[in-house]
C-alpha cells in the first residue's frame, strides 16, 4: 500500500522484508482504543508530537531503535523511549504530514540517523500522554539503509541503542510496572534498561497485533527504579 501525505511524504509498505509484513498489516486496521485507553481529548487540545518506531535488521535479526533520555532533563529524565518530540511550525499540518516530518526530524536531531534511509510504511492512530499533555502519533519506519547513530546532544540523549525483537518477545524479559498514579502497564527488561510507560505500551500492542507476542507472567512486577 502506498499513500502520499501533504508535503509530498510517501508512506509505503512496498518492498518491506517478509518478517515486517505482520506489523504493516496490523497497522492498516488497528483502532485507537486497541492501542491505549489514553486517547486524545474529544474536545481537542494537547500538544501535537510524534515518535519514530524504527525497525531494522541487525546482527541478531530484526531489531528496534530506542534511545535513553538524559538524566538531567526535567521531563522523562533517564527514561528509554522512541526518538521523537513535539511538532515545530516548519513540520507542517498536525493533521497531515506534520507528524511524519517531526518523527524523522527529531530522530535525526537526537540520534544522528540519516532520514533518507528510512521508509515510512505506516502511521498509527494518535494517542495521549496525560502527564505531559502530548498528543502523540507513532510513525512506523523500516530502516532500509542503516546509518551510524549515537547521542547528538548529550544534554538531551544519554545513549542510542537497538534491541532485538527476539529479546522483546522473550517472556523472561517482560514484566509489569506500577506508576505512582496507580496505573499498571507492560515493561521490558532489555538493553540494560527498563522500558516502560508510553514506549512499552506501544511496543506491547505492536507485538500483540502482529502475532509476535508470547505468553508472559503479568504477575511479575518490577519497580520503576530497576537497574540492570
N, C-alpha and C. Protein backbone atom coordinates (compact mmCIF):
# COMPACT_ATOMS: atom_id res chain seq x y z
N UNK A 1 0.84 -1.19 0.00
CA UNK A 1 0.00 0.00 0.00
C UNK A 1 0.88 1.25 0.00
N UNK A 2 0.53 2.23 -0.85
CA UNK A 2 1.28 3.48 -0.91
C UNK A 2 0.30 4.64 -0.83
N UNK A 3 0.62 5.63 -0.01
CA UNK A 3 -0.19 6.84 0.06
C UNK A 3 0.74 8.02 0.22
N UNK A 4 0.22 9.20 -0.15
CA UNK A 4 1.01 10.42 -0.06
C UNK A 4 0.32 11.41 0.84
N UNK A 5 1.03 11.88 1.86
CA UNK A 5 0.51 12.89 2.77
C UNK A 5 0.88 14.26 2.22
N UNK A 6 0.26 15.28 2.81
CA UNK A 6 0.61 16.64 2.44
C UNK A 6 2.09 16.87 2.61
N UNK A 7 2.67 17.66 1.72
CA UNK A 7 4.11 17.90 1.80
C UNK A 7 4.90 16.88 1.01
N UNK A 8 4.18 15.95 0.32
CA UNK A 8 4.86 15.00 -0.54
C UNK A 8 5.49 13.84 0.19
N UNK A 9 5.15 13.61 1.47
CA UNK A 9 5.71 12.48 2.21
C UNK A 9 5.00 11.21 1.81
N UNK A 10 5.74 10.24 1.34
CA UNK A 10 5.17 8.98 0.91
C UNK A 10 5.20 7.97 2.05
N UNK A 11 4.09 7.27 2.19
CA UNK A 11 4.00 6.17 3.15
C UNK A 11 3.74 4.92 2.35
N UNK A 12 4.68 3.99 2.37
CA UNK A 12 4.57 2.82 1.51
C UNK A 12 5.05 1.56 2.24
N UNK A 13 4.29 0.50 2.05
CA UNK A 13 4.69 -0.80 2.59
C UNK A 13 5.31 -1.69 1.52
N UNK A 14 5.52 -1.15 0.34
CA UNK A 14 6.10 -1.93 -0.74
C UNK A 14 7.58 -2.20 -0.46
N UNK A 15 7.98 -3.45 -0.70
CA UNK A 15 9.39 -3.81 -0.56
C UNK A 15 9.84 -4.10 0.86
N UNK A 16 8.91 -4.18 1.80
CA UNK A 16 9.29 -4.50 3.17
C UNK A 16 9.76 -5.95 3.26
N UNK A 17 10.66 -6.25 4.20
CA UNK A 17 11.04 -7.65 4.40
C UNK A 17 9.83 -8.46 4.88
N UNK A 18 9.84 -9.73 4.57
CA UNK A 18 8.70 -10.59 4.88
C UNK A 18 8.35 -10.55 6.37
N UNK A 19 9.36 -10.51 7.24
CA UNK A 19 9.09 -10.57 8.69
C UNK A 19 8.37 -9.33 9.20
N UNK A 20 8.45 -8.21 8.46
CA UNK A 20 7.84 -6.98 8.92
C UNK A 20 6.40 -6.82 8.43
N UNK A 21 5.98 -7.66 7.50
CA UNK A 21 4.64 -7.54 6.94
C UNK A 21 3.52 -7.68 7.97
N UNK A 22 3.65 -8.55 9.00
CA UNK A 22 2.59 -8.61 10.01
C UNK A 22 2.35 -7.28 10.71
N UNK A 23 3.41 -6.50 10.92
CA UNK A 23 3.25 -5.19 11.54
C UNK A 23 2.52 -4.25 10.59
N UNK A 24 2.91 -4.26 9.33
CA UNK A 24 2.26 -3.40 8.34
C UNK A 24 0.78 -3.74 8.20
N UNK A 25 0.46 -5.02 8.19
CA UNK A 25 -0.95 -5.43 8.05
C UNK A 25 -1.75 -5.01 9.28
N UNK A 26 -1.18 -5.19 10.45
CA UNK A 26 -1.88 -4.81 11.67
C UNK A 26 -2.14 -3.31 11.71
N UNK A 27 -1.17 -2.52 11.25
CA UNK A 27 -1.29 -1.07 11.29
C UNK A 27 -2.42 -0.56 10.39
N UNK A 28 -2.80 -1.33 9.38
CA UNK A 28 -3.84 -0.90 8.45
C UNK A 28 -5.21 -0.86 9.09
N UNK A 29 -5.44 -1.69 10.10
CA UNK A 29 -6.78 -1.83 10.66
C UNK A 29 -6.88 -1.51 12.15
N UNK A 30 -5.77 -1.28 12.81
CA UNK A 30 -5.80 -1.09 14.26
C UNK A 30 -6.55 0.18 14.63
N UNK A 31 -7.35 0.10 15.68
CA UNK A 31 -8.14 1.22 16.16
C UNK A 31 -7.45 1.87 17.37
N UNK A 32 -7.71 3.15 17.61
CA UNK A 32 -7.05 3.83 18.74
C UNK A 32 -7.23 3.11 20.07
N UNK A 33 -8.45 2.65 20.36
CA UNK A 33 -8.70 2.02 21.65
C UNK A 33 -7.99 0.68 21.80
N UNK A 34 -7.54 0.11 20.68
CA UNK A 34 -6.79 -1.13 20.74
C UNK A 34 -5.33 -0.89 21.13
N UNK A 35 -4.89 0.35 21.03
CA UNK A 35 -3.51 0.70 21.38
C UNK A 35 -3.38 1.19 22.81
N UNK A 36 -4.37 1.94 23.28
CA UNK A 36 -4.26 2.54 24.61
C UNK A 36 -5.63 3.01 25.07
N UNK A 37 -5.80 3.08 26.39
CA UNK A 37 -7.02 3.67 26.92
C UNK A 37 -6.88 5.18 27.07
N UNK A 38 -5.64 5.68 26.84
CA UNK A 38 -5.40 7.11 26.90
C UNK A 38 -5.45 7.69 25.48
N UNK A 39 -6.58 8.30 25.15
CA UNK A 39 -6.79 8.84 23.81
C UNK A 39 -6.92 10.36 23.87
N UNK A 40 -6.63 11.04 22.76
CA UNK A 40 -6.71 12.50 22.75
C UNK A 40 -8.06 12.99 23.24
N UNK A 41 -8.09 14.11 23.94
CA UNK A 41 -9.36 14.67 24.41
C UNK A 41 -10.31 14.91 23.25
N UNK A 42 -11.57 14.52 23.40
CA UNK A 42 -12.53 14.68 22.29
C UNK A 42 -12.75 16.13 21.91
N UNK A 43 -12.55 17.05 22.86
CA UNK A 43 -12.75 18.46 22.59
C UNK A 43 -11.51 19.12 22.00
N UNK A 44 -10.50 18.33 21.72
CA UNK A 44 -9.26 18.86 21.17
C UNK A 44 -8.29 19.24 22.27
N UNK A 45 -7.23 19.90 21.91
CA UNK A 45 -6.22 20.26 22.89
C UNK A 45 -5.08 19.25 22.90
N UNK A 46 -4.09 19.52 23.70
CA UNK A 46 -2.90 18.68 23.72
C UNK A 46 -1.89 19.17 22.71
N UNK A 47 -0.63 18.92 22.98
CA UNK A 47 0.43 19.39 22.10
C UNK A 47 0.78 18.31 21.08
N UNK A 48 0.63 18.58 19.79
CA UNK A 48 0.92 17.56 18.77
C UNK A 48 2.40 17.16 18.80
N UNK A 49 2.65 15.87 18.74
CA UNK A 49 4.01 15.35 18.72
C UNK A 49 4.01 14.03 17.96
N UNK A 50 5.21 13.49 17.75
CA UNK A 50 5.33 12.24 17.00
C UNK A 50 6.57 11.49 17.45
N UNK A 51 6.53 10.18 17.33
CA UNK A 51 7.70 9.35 17.61
C UNK A 51 7.95 8.45 16.41
N UNK A 52 9.21 8.06 16.23
CA UNK A 52 9.59 7.15 15.15
C UNK A 52 9.81 5.76 15.73
N UNK A 53 8.97 4.83 15.32
CA UNK A 53 9.10 3.43 15.71
C UNK A 53 9.84 2.75 14.56
N UNK A 54 11.15 2.64 14.71
CA UNK A 54 12.00 2.24 13.58
C UNK A 54 12.51 0.81 13.72
N UNK A 55 12.11 -0.03 12.77
CA UNK A 55 12.56 -1.42 12.71
C UNK A 55 13.73 -1.53 11.74
N UNK A 56 14.72 -2.34 12.13
CA UNK A 56 15.85 -2.59 11.26
C UNK A 56 16.25 -4.05 11.30
N UNK A 57 17.29 -4.37 10.57
CA UNK A 57 17.83 -5.74 10.53
C UNK A 57 19.24 -5.68 11.08
N UNK A 58 19.46 -6.29 12.24
CA UNK A 58 20.76 -6.26 12.89
C UNK A 58 21.45 -7.61 12.85
N UNK A 59 22.59 -7.73 13.51
CA UNK A 59 23.32 -8.99 13.53
C UNK A 59 22.56 -10.12 14.21
N UNK A 60 21.62 -9.75 15.09
CA UNK A 60 20.81 -10.75 15.79
C UNK A 60 19.39 -10.80 15.25
N UNK A 61 19.21 -10.37 14.01
CA UNK A 61 17.90 -10.42 13.40
C UNK A 61 17.15 -9.10 13.51
N UNK A 62 15.83 -9.11 13.35
CA UNK A 62 15.03 -7.89 13.43
C UNK A 62 15.25 -7.16 14.75
N UNK A 63 15.29 -5.83 14.69
CA UNK A 63 15.55 -5.05 15.88
C UNK A 63 14.77 -3.74 15.84
N UNK A 64 14.75 -3.07 16.99
CA UNK A 64 14.02 -1.81 17.14
C UNK A 64 14.97 -0.78 17.72
N UNK A 65 14.90 0.44 17.19
CA UNK A 65 15.77 1.52 17.66
C UNK A 65 15.14 2.24 18.84
N UNK A 66 15.93 2.39 19.91
CA UNK A 66 15.49 3.12 21.10
C UNK A 66 16.59 4.08 21.54
N UNK A 67 16.25 4.98 22.40
CA UNK A 67 17.22 5.89 22.98
C UNK A 67 16.90 6.08 24.46
N UNK A 68 17.87 6.56 25.19
CA UNK A 68 17.68 6.83 26.61
C UNK A 68 17.88 8.33 26.82
N UNK A 69 16.88 8.95 27.39
CA UNK A 69 16.94 10.40 27.58
C UNK A 69 17.92 10.76 28.70
N UNK A 70 18.50 11.93 28.58
CA UNK A 70 19.48 12.40 29.56
C UNK A 70 18.87 12.47 30.96
N UNK A 71 19.67 12.13 31.95
CA UNK A 71 19.20 12.18 33.32
C UNK A 71 19.01 13.59 33.85
N UNK A 72 19.44 14.59 33.10
CA UNK A 72 19.31 15.98 33.55
C UNK A 72 18.05 16.66 33.02
N UNK A 73 17.28 15.96 32.19
CA UNK A 73 16.08 16.58 31.64
C UNK A 73 15.01 16.73 32.72
N UNK A 74 14.17 17.75 32.56
CA UNK A 74 13.10 17.99 33.53
C UNK A 74 11.96 17.00 33.34
N UNK A 75 11.80 16.50 32.13
CA UNK A 75 10.70 15.59 31.84
C UNK A 75 11.25 14.27 31.31
N UNK A 76 10.79 13.15 31.88
CA UNK A 76 11.17 11.80 31.45
C UNK A 76 12.68 11.57 31.52
N UNK A 77 13.33 12.14 32.51
CA UNK A 77 14.78 12.00 32.66
C UNK A 77 15.19 10.54 32.78
N UNK A 78 16.19 10.14 32.00
CA UNK A 78 16.74 8.79 32.06
C UNK A 78 15.85 7.70 31.52
N UNK A 79 14.72 8.05 30.95
CA UNK A 79 13.75 7.05 30.50
C UNK A 79 14.02 6.62 29.06
N UNK A 80 14.06 5.31 28.79
CA UNK A 80 14.17 4.84 27.40
C UNK A 80 12.91 5.22 26.63
N UNK A 81 13.08 5.52 25.36
CA UNK A 81 11.95 5.96 24.55
C UNK A 81 12.26 5.78 23.08
N UNK A 82 11.24 5.99 22.26
CA UNK A 82 11.45 6.14 20.83
C UNK A 82 12.01 7.54 20.57
N UNK A 83 12.77 7.73 19.50
CA UNK A 83 13.11 9.10 19.11
C UNK A 83 11.82 9.85 18.78
N UNK A 84 11.78 11.11 19.11
CA UNK A 84 10.59 11.88 18.78
C UNK A 84 10.44 13.11 19.65
N UNK A 85 9.40 13.87 19.37
CA UNK A 85 9.15 15.08 20.13
C UNK A 85 8.02 15.88 19.53
N UNK A 86 7.86 17.10 20.01
CA UNK A 86 6.76 17.96 19.58
C UNK A 86 6.96 18.45 18.15
N UNK A 87 5.85 18.72 17.49
CA UNK A 87 5.90 19.28 16.15
C UNK A 87 6.36 20.74 16.22
N UNK A 88 7.23 21.12 15.30
CA UNK A 88 7.61 22.50 15.12
C UNK A 88 6.76 23.10 14.00
N UNK A 89 6.64 24.42 13.95
CA UNK A 89 5.83 25.03 12.89
C UNK A 89 6.24 24.60 11.48
N UNK A 90 7.55 24.41 11.26
CA UNK A 90 8.01 24.03 9.92
C UNK A 90 7.67 22.59 9.55
N UNK A 91 7.23 21.79 10.53
CA UNK A 91 6.87 20.41 10.22
C UNK A 91 5.59 20.33 9.40
N UNK A 92 4.73 21.32 9.56
CA UNK A 92 3.51 21.32 8.77
C UNK A 92 2.28 20.95 9.57
N UNK A 93 1.24 20.61 8.86
CA UNK A 93 -0.09 20.36 9.41
C UNK A 93 -0.10 19.15 10.34
N UNK A 94 -0.51 19.33 11.60
CA UNK A 94 -0.60 18.18 12.52
C UNK A 94 -1.56 17.10 12.03
N UNK A 95 -2.52 17.49 11.19
CA UNK A 95 -3.49 16.53 10.66
C UNK A 95 -3.07 15.99 9.29
N UNK A 96 -1.88 16.41 8.84
CA UNK A 96 -1.37 15.92 7.56
C UNK A 96 -0.01 15.30 7.72
N UNK A 97 0.97 15.88 7.03
CA UNK A 97 2.32 15.31 7.04
C UNK A 97 3.14 15.76 8.24
N UNK A 98 2.62 16.68 9.04
CA UNK A 98 3.39 17.21 10.17
C UNK A 98 4.01 16.15 11.06
N UNK A 99 3.25 15.15 11.54
CA UNK A 99 3.83 14.13 12.40
C UNK A 99 4.94 13.32 11.73
N UNK A 100 4.82 13.07 10.42
CA UNK A 100 5.86 12.32 9.72
C UNK A 100 7.15 13.11 9.66
N UNK A 101 7.03 14.39 9.30
CA UNK A 101 8.20 15.25 9.27
C UNK A 101 8.84 15.33 10.66
N UNK A 102 8.00 15.50 11.69
CA UNK A 102 8.51 15.67 13.05
C UNK A 102 9.23 14.41 13.53
N UNK A 103 8.66 13.24 13.25
CA UNK A 103 9.28 11.99 13.70
C UNK A 103 10.67 11.82 13.09
N UNK A 104 10.79 12.08 11.79
CA UNK A 104 12.08 11.93 11.12
C UNK A 104 13.06 13.02 11.55
N UNK A 105 12.56 14.25 11.68
CA UNK A 105 13.43 15.36 12.09
C UNK A 105 13.98 15.14 13.50
N UNK A 106 13.10 14.78 14.42
CA UNK A 106 13.52 14.56 15.80
C UNK A 106 14.49 13.38 15.90
N UNK A 107 14.24 12.32 15.12
CA UNK A 107 15.13 11.17 15.14
C UNK A 107 16.52 11.56 14.67
N UNK A 108 16.59 12.40 13.64
CA UNK A 108 17.88 12.87 13.15
C UNK A 108 18.57 13.74 14.20
N UNK A 109 17.82 14.64 14.82
CA UNK A 109 18.40 15.55 15.81
C UNK A 109 18.87 14.82 17.06
N UNK A 110 18.18 13.74 17.43
CA UNK A 110 18.50 13.05 18.67
C UNK A 110 19.50 11.92 18.50
N UNK A 111 19.43 11.22 17.37
CA UNK A 111 20.28 10.03 17.19
C UNK A 111 21.28 10.16 16.05
N UNK A 112 21.14 11.17 15.21
CA UNK A 112 22.06 11.33 14.09
C UNK A 112 21.77 10.46 12.89
N UNK A 113 20.66 9.71 12.91
CA UNK A 113 20.39 8.84 11.77
C UNK A 113 20.10 9.66 10.52
N UNK A 114 20.33 9.04 9.36
CA UNK A 114 20.05 9.67 8.08
C UNK A 114 18.60 9.36 7.71
N UNK A 115 17.71 10.36 7.74
CA UNK A 115 16.30 10.08 7.48
C UNK A 115 16.02 9.60 6.06
N UNK A 116 16.93 9.85 5.11
CA UNK A 116 16.70 9.39 3.75
C UNK A 116 16.80 7.86 3.65
N UNK A 117 17.36 7.22 4.67
CA UNK A 117 17.45 5.77 4.69
C UNK A 117 16.28 5.09 5.35
N UNK A 118 15.27 5.90 5.75
CA UNK A 118 14.09 5.37 6.44
C UNK A 118 12.89 5.34 5.51
N UNK A 119 12.24 4.21 5.40
CA UNK A 119 11.00 4.09 4.65
C UNK A 119 9.84 4.07 5.64
N UNK A 120 9.03 5.12 5.62
CA UNK A 120 7.84 5.15 6.46
C UNK A 120 6.80 4.24 5.83
N UNK A 121 6.33 3.24 6.59
CA UNK A 121 5.39 2.29 6.00
C UNK A 121 4.02 2.30 6.64
N UNK A 122 3.85 3.02 7.76
CA UNK A 122 2.53 3.10 8.38
C UNK A 122 2.52 4.21 9.43
N UNK A 123 1.34 4.69 9.72
CA UNK A 123 1.13 5.69 10.76
C UNK A 123 0.01 5.19 11.65
N UNK A 124 0.28 5.07 12.94
CA UNK A 124 -0.72 4.57 13.89
C UNK A 124 -1.61 5.72 14.38
N UNK A 125 -2.76 5.39 14.95
CA UNK A 125 -3.65 6.43 15.47
C UNK A 125 -2.97 7.24 16.57
N UNK A 126 -3.41 8.48 16.70
CA UNK A 126 -2.86 9.36 17.72
C UNK A 126 -3.27 8.90 19.12
N UNK A 127 -2.31 9.00 20.04
CA UNK A 127 -2.53 8.61 21.43
C UNK A 127 -2.25 9.81 22.33
N UNK A 128 -2.54 9.64 23.62
CA UNK A 128 -2.43 10.77 24.55
C UNK A 128 -1.58 10.38 25.75
N UNK A 129 -0.71 11.30 26.18
CA UNK A 129 0.07 11.11 27.40
C UNK A 129 -0.43 12.14 28.40
N UNK A 130 -1.30 11.74 29.33
CA UNK A 130 -1.93 12.70 30.24
C UNK A 130 -0.94 13.51 31.06
N UNK A 131 0.15 12.87 31.51
CA UNK A 131 1.07 13.56 32.42
C UNK A 131 1.76 14.74 31.74
N UNK A 132 1.94 14.68 30.42
CA UNK A 132 2.62 15.75 29.71
C UNK A 132 1.70 16.54 28.78
N UNK A 133 0.52 15.99 28.51
CA UNK A 133 -0.40 16.66 27.62
C UNK A 133 -0.07 16.52 26.14
N UNK A 134 0.83 15.60 25.80
CA UNK A 134 1.20 15.40 24.40
C UNK A 134 0.18 14.49 23.69
N UNK A 135 -0.16 14.87 22.48
CA UNK A 135 -0.93 14.00 21.58
C UNK A 135 0.08 13.43 20.60
N UNK A 136 0.33 12.12 20.69
CA UNK A 136 1.47 11.50 20.01
C UNK A 136 1.02 10.62 18.85
N UNK A 137 1.65 10.84 17.70
CA UNK A 137 1.43 9.99 16.53
C UNK A 137 2.62 9.05 16.37
N UNK A 138 2.44 7.74 16.54
CA UNK A 138 3.54 6.80 16.26
C UNK A 138 3.69 6.59 14.76
N UNK A 139 4.88 6.88 14.25
CA UNK A 139 5.19 6.72 12.83
C UNK A 139 6.09 5.49 12.69
N UNK A 140 5.65 4.51 11.91
CA UNK A 140 6.38 3.26 11.77
C UNK A 140 7.30 3.32 10.56
N UNK A 141 8.58 2.95 10.78
CA UNK A 141 9.55 3.01 9.71
C UNK A 141 10.37 1.74 9.57
N UNK A 142 10.85 1.51 8.34
CA UNK A 142 11.76 0.42 8.03
C UNK A 142 13.11 1.05 7.71
N UNK A 143 14.16 0.62 8.43
CA UNK A 143 15.49 1.19 8.26
C UNK A 143 16.13 0.54 7.05
N UNK A 144 15.71 1.01 5.88
CA UNK A 144 16.13 0.37 4.64
C UNK A 144 17.63 0.52 4.41
N UNK A 145 18.17 1.69 4.72
CA UNK A 145 19.62 1.93 4.60
C UNK A 145 20.13 2.43 5.95
N UNK A 146 20.58 1.53 6.81
CA UNK A 146 21.05 1.92 8.14
C UNK A 146 22.20 2.91 8.07
N UNK A 147 22.25 3.80 9.03
CA UNK A 147 23.31 4.79 9.14
C UNK A 147 23.80 4.81 10.58
N UNK A 148 25.01 5.31 10.82
CA UNK A 148 25.52 5.36 12.20
C UNK A 148 24.62 6.22 13.08
N UNK A 149 24.45 5.79 14.33
CA UNK A 149 23.64 6.55 15.28
C UNK A 149 24.37 6.68 16.61
N UNK A 150 24.00 7.68 17.36
CA UNK A 150 24.57 7.92 18.69
C UNK A 150 24.02 9.23 19.20
N UNK A 151 24.24 9.54 20.48
CA UNK A 151 23.72 10.79 21.03
C UNK A 151 24.30 12.00 20.29
N UNK A 152 23.43 12.85 19.80
CA UNK A 152 23.88 14.08 19.13
C UNK A 152 24.15 15.16 20.17
N UNK A 153 23.24 15.29 21.13
CA UNK A 153 23.39 16.26 22.22
C UNK A 153 23.29 15.51 23.54
N UNK A 154 24.42 15.28 24.23
CA UNK A 154 24.39 14.54 25.49
C UNK A 154 23.48 15.16 26.54
N UNK A 155 23.19 16.45 26.41
CA UNK A 155 22.28 17.09 27.36
C UNK A 155 20.84 16.62 27.16
N UNK A 156 20.59 16.04 25.99
CA UNK A 156 19.24 15.58 25.67
C UNK A 156 19.16 14.06 25.60
N UNK A 157 20.19 13.43 25.03
CA UNK A 157 20.19 11.98 24.81
C UNK A 157 21.40 11.35 25.48
N UNK A 158 21.16 10.41 26.38
CA UNK A 158 22.26 9.74 27.07
C UNK A 158 22.88 8.65 26.21
N UNK A 159 22.05 7.88 25.50
CA UNK A 159 22.57 6.84 24.63
C UNK A 159 21.51 6.44 23.62
N UNK A 160 21.97 5.83 22.54
CA UNK A 160 21.10 5.30 21.50
C UNK A 160 21.44 3.83 21.34
N UNK A 161 20.43 2.98 21.28
CA UNK A 161 20.71 1.54 21.19
C UNK A 161 19.60 0.83 20.44
N UNK A 162 19.92 -0.36 19.95
CA UNK A 162 18.93 -1.19 19.29
C UNK A 162 18.66 -2.42 20.15
N UNK A 163 17.44 -2.90 20.07
CA UNK A 163 17.02 -4.08 20.83
C UNK A 163 16.48 -5.12 19.87
N UNK A 164 17.02 -6.34 19.88
CA UNK A 164 16.47 -7.39 19.02
C UNK A 164 15.01 -7.65 19.36
N UNK A 165 14.19 -7.82 18.34
CA UNK A 165 12.79 -8.14 18.56
C UNK A 165 12.67 -9.44 19.36
N UNK A 166 13.61 -10.36 19.16
CA UNK A 166 13.60 -11.63 19.91
C UNK A 166 13.72 -11.38 21.41
N UNK A 167 14.46 -10.34 21.81
CA UNK A 167 14.55 -10.00 23.23
C UNK A 167 13.25 -9.42 23.74
N UNK A 168 12.57 -8.64 22.91
CA UNK A 168 11.30 -8.04 23.31
C UNK A 168 10.20 -9.09 23.47
N UNK A 169 10.27 -10.14 22.68
CA UNK A 169 9.23 -11.18 22.75
C UNK A 169 9.58 -12.28 23.76
N UNK A 170 10.78 -12.26 24.29
CA UNK A 170 11.21 -13.27 25.26
C UNK A 170 10.45 -13.06 26.58
N UNK A 171 9.65 -14.04 27.03
CA UNK A 171 8.88 -13.86 28.27
C UNK A 171 9.75 -13.52 29.47
N UNK A 172 11.00 -13.96 29.47
CA UNK A 172 11.89 -13.68 30.61
C UNK A 172 12.19 -12.19 30.73
N UNK A 173 12.01 -11.44 29.64
CA UNK A 173 12.33 -10.01 29.64
C UNK A 173 11.10 -9.14 29.82
N UNK A 174 9.97 -9.74 30.15
CA UNK A 174 8.73 -8.99 30.26
C UNK A 174 8.28 -8.91 31.72
N UNK A 175 7.62 -7.81 32.04
CA UNK A 175 7.15 -7.60 33.42
C UNK A 175 6.07 -6.53 33.40
N UNK A 176 5.56 -6.24 34.59
CA UNK A 176 4.57 -5.19 34.78
C UNK A 176 5.14 -4.15 35.73
N UNK A 177 4.88 -2.88 35.45
CA UNK A 177 5.29 -1.80 36.35
C UNK A 177 4.03 -1.10 36.87
N UNK A 178 4.19 -0.46 38.01
CA UNK A 178 3.09 0.30 38.60
C UNK A 178 3.55 1.74 38.76
N UNK A 179 2.88 2.64 38.05
CA UNK A 179 3.20 4.07 38.13
C UNK A 179 2.71 4.62 39.47
N UNK A 180 3.35 5.68 39.99
CA UNK A 180 2.86 6.29 41.23
C UNK A 180 1.38 6.64 41.20
N UNK A 181 0.84 6.88 40.01
CA UNK A 181 -0.58 7.19 39.88
C UNK A 181 -1.45 5.96 40.11
N UNK A 182 -0.81 4.78 40.13
CA UNK A 182 -1.54 3.53 40.29
C UNK A 182 -1.76 2.79 38.99
N UNK A 183 -1.46 3.43 37.86
CA UNK A 183 -1.64 2.78 36.56
C UNK A 183 -0.62 1.66 36.38
N UNK A 184 -1.10 0.50 35.98
CA UNK A 184 -0.25 -0.64 35.70
C UNK A 184 -0.05 -0.77 34.20
N UNK A 185 1.19 -1.06 33.81
CA UNK A 185 1.47 -1.18 32.39
C UNK A 185 2.58 -2.17 32.12
N UNK A 186 2.72 -2.59 30.86
CA UNK A 186 3.77 -3.54 30.49
C UNK A 186 5.14 -2.89 30.53
N UNK A 187 6.15 -3.72 30.72
CA UNK A 187 7.54 -3.24 30.73
C UNK A 187 8.43 -4.31 30.10
N UNK A 188 9.60 -3.86 29.66
CA UNK A 188 10.58 -4.74 29.04
C UNK A 188 11.94 -4.50 29.68
N UNK A 189 12.60 -5.58 30.07
CA UNK A 189 13.94 -5.51 30.66
C UNK A 189 14.93 -5.89 29.56
N UNK A 190 15.31 -4.90 28.77
CA UNK A 190 16.14 -5.16 27.59
C UNK A 190 17.21 -4.09 27.45
N UNK A 191 18.32 -4.45 26.82
CA UNK A 191 19.37 -3.48 26.56
C UNK A 191 19.92 -2.82 27.80
N UNK A 192 19.87 -3.53 28.93
CA UNK A 192 20.35 -2.95 30.17
C UNK A 192 19.47 -1.84 30.69
N UNK A 193 18.21 -1.81 30.26
CA UNK A 193 17.31 -0.74 30.65
C UNK A 193 15.91 -1.29 30.93
N UNK A 194 15.14 -0.51 31.68
CA UNK A 194 13.73 -0.81 31.90
C UNK A 194 12.92 0.09 30.96
N UNK A 195 12.29 -0.52 29.98
CA UNK A 195 11.44 0.22 29.05
C UNK A 195 10.02 0.12 29.57
N UNK A 196 9.40 1.27 29.87
CA UNK A 196 8.06 1.27 30.46
C UNK A 196 7.27 2.46 29.90
N UNK A 197 6.10 2.70 30.47
CA UNK A 197 5.30 3.84 30.09
C UNK A 197 4.78 3.77 28.66
N UNK A 198 4.68 4.93 28.04
CA UNK A 198 4.13 5.03 26.69
C UNK A 198 4.87 4.14 25.70
N UNK A 199 6.21 4.16 25.75
CA UNK A 199 7.02 3.39 24.81
C UNK A 199 6.73 1.90 24.93
N UNK A 200 6.72 1.40 26.16
CA UNK A 200 6.45 -0.02 26.37
C UNK A 200 5.04 -0.38 25.94
N UNK A 201 4.09 0.53 26.18
CA UNK A 201 2.72 0.26 25.78
C UNK A 201 2.57 0.10 24.29
N UNK A 202 3.24 0.94 23.52
CA UNK A 202 3.17 0.84 22.06
C UNK A 202 3.85 -0.44 21.58
N UNK A 203 5.02 -0.74 22.13
CA UNK A 203 5.71 -1.98 21.75
C UNK A 203 4.84 -3.19 22.06
N UNK A 204 4.24 -3.20 23.24
CA UNK A 204 3.40 -4.31 23.67
C UNK A 204 2.26 -4.55 22.68
N UNK A 205 1.59 -3.48 22.26
CA UNK A 205 0.46 -3.62 21.34
C UNK A 205 0.90 -4.03 19.94
N UNK A 206 2.05 -3.54 19.51
CA UNK A 206 2.56 -3.95 18.19
C UNK A 206 2.87 -5.45 18.21
N UNK A 207 3.54 -5.91 19.26
CA UNK A 207 3.84 -7.34 19.36
C UNK A 207 2.56 -8.17 19.35
N UNK A 208 1.56 -7.68 20.07
CA UNK A 208 0.31 -8.42 20.18
C UNK A 208 -0.40 -8.52 18.83
N UNK A 209 -0.62 -7.39 18.17
CA UNK A 209 -1.41 -7.40 16.94
C UNK A 209 -0.63 -7.91 15.74
N UNK A 210 0.70 -7.94 15.84
CA UNK A 210 1.49 -8.54 14.77
C UNK A 210 1.58 -10.06 14.93
N UNK A 211 1.06 -10.56 16.05
CA UNK A 211 1.11 -12.01 16.29
C UNK A 211 2.45 -12.49 16.81
N UNK A 212 3.26 -11.57 17.33
CA UNK A 212 4.59 -11.93 17.82
C UNK A 212 4.61 -12.18 19.33
N UNK A 213 3.57 -11.81 20.01
CA UNK A 213 3.57 -11.93 21.47
C UNK A 213 3.60 -13.39 21.92
N UNK A 214 4.39 -13.65 22.95
CA UNK A 214 4.44 -14.96 23.57
C UNK A 214 3.89 -14.84 24.99
N UNK A 215 3.27 -15.90 25.52
CA UNK A 215 2.71 -15.82 26.87
C UNK A 215 3.78 -15.40 27.88
N UNK A 216 3.44 -14.45 28.75
CA UNK A 216 4.40 -13.98 29.76
C UNK A 216 3.68 -13.76 31.08
N UNK A 217 4.46 -13.71 32.14
CA UNK A 217 3.93 -13.63 33.50
C UNK A 217 3.57 -12.19 33.86
N UNK A 218 2.30 -11.84 33.79
CA UNK A 218 1.86 -10.49 34.10
C UNK A 218 1.90 -10.19 35.60
N UNK A 219 2.08 -11.23 36.40
CA UNK A 219 2.19 -11.03 37.85
C UNK A 219 3.61 -10.66 38.27
N UNK A 220 4.55 -10.70 37.34
CA UNK A 220 5.93 -10.32 37.63
C UNK A 220 6.03 -8.79 37.60
N UNK A 221 6.33 -8.20 38.76
CA UNK A 221 6.40 -6.75 38.87
C UNK A 221 7.85 -6.30 39.08
N UNK A 222 8.18 -5.17 38.50
CA UNK A 222 9.49 -4.56 38.72
C UNK A 222 9.27 -3.09 39.09
N UNK A 223 10.11 -2.54 39.96
CA UNK A 223 9.98 -1.12 40.33
C UNK A 223 10.49 -0.22 39.22
N UNK A 224 10.02 1.02 39.20
CA UNK A 224 10.43 1.95 38.16
C UNK A 224 11.90 2.34 38.27
N UNK A 225 12.50 2.11 39.44
CA UNK A 225 13.92 2.43 39.60
C UNK A 225 14.81 1.21 39.37
N UNK A 226 14.27 0.21 38.66
CA UNK A 226 15.03 -1.01 38.36
C UNK A 226 16.30 -0.67 37.59
N UNK A 227 17.39 -1.34 37.95
CA UNK A 227 18.64 -1.19 37.24
C UNK A 227 19.23 -2.56 36.93
N UNK A 228 19.83 -2.68 35.77
CA UNK A 228 20.42 -3.97 35.37
C UNK A 228 21.58 -4.32 36.26
